[in-house]
Amino acid sequence: MAKFKDLTGQRFGWLIVVSRAENSKAGKARWNCICDCGETTTANGQSLRDGHTKSCGCLQRKTIGDAHLTHGMCGTPIHGIWKAMRQRCMNPSNHGYRNYGGRGISICERWNKFENFYADMGRIPAKMSLERRDNNGNYCPENCCWATRKSQNRNTRKNIIIKYQGKSQCMAAWAEELGVNYIVLWRRLQKNSPQFAFNM
């Protein structure tokens, strides 16, 4: 059985290799790649090394204008968010990969196309960014929304979620709702159950 050099994580032009793909019919090694434009493609390893394949095809278009013809939104904030989401989930070389793709967070098949992502999420509301309602869930229409930085900070794995009277939220949110200083509430919860701490 032929041995192939592992290209995972290497950059070739606009492409970053993310995983091994099924060999070609001729038995040549092929690789799944993510392009800087956000699209994915599968390329022959030899073509990558020789420099014959440098992008998903976007670099072969005659002008920059041609690259915008598909949806006309390349370079916009919403397209940048889509690209960043894909990099976090699909590119092992991305600094955020270990907290996303590295722990199993994936993107639904529908959102492999930017047009579908934009149709589902629409324009970005002022001062908001993309958030997953379930921090352990995937990127998909059912689990994503636009949220403020404050809301996102309260929806991280580091926060302690407290359930009380059928409602679950982080301690900072409970402190705000109850009108109690965060530190005071934290100290109460060290010695009491939520039922007592929230009514002291």
Foldseek 3Di string as FASTA:
>chain_A
DDDDDDQAQPAQAQWHFQAWDDADPVRFTKTWIAGLQGAIDIGGPVCSVVNVDRGRCLVVDDDPVVSCVVPNCRPHPLSVLLSVLCCLQGHPNDPNVCQAVVLPAEADPQSSDVVSVCVLAPDAPPQWHKDFCQSSYYHDSVGIYTDHPVVRVFRDPPFDWADDPRDIGGLVVLCVVLVHDSVQLVVLVVPDHCVVSSPD
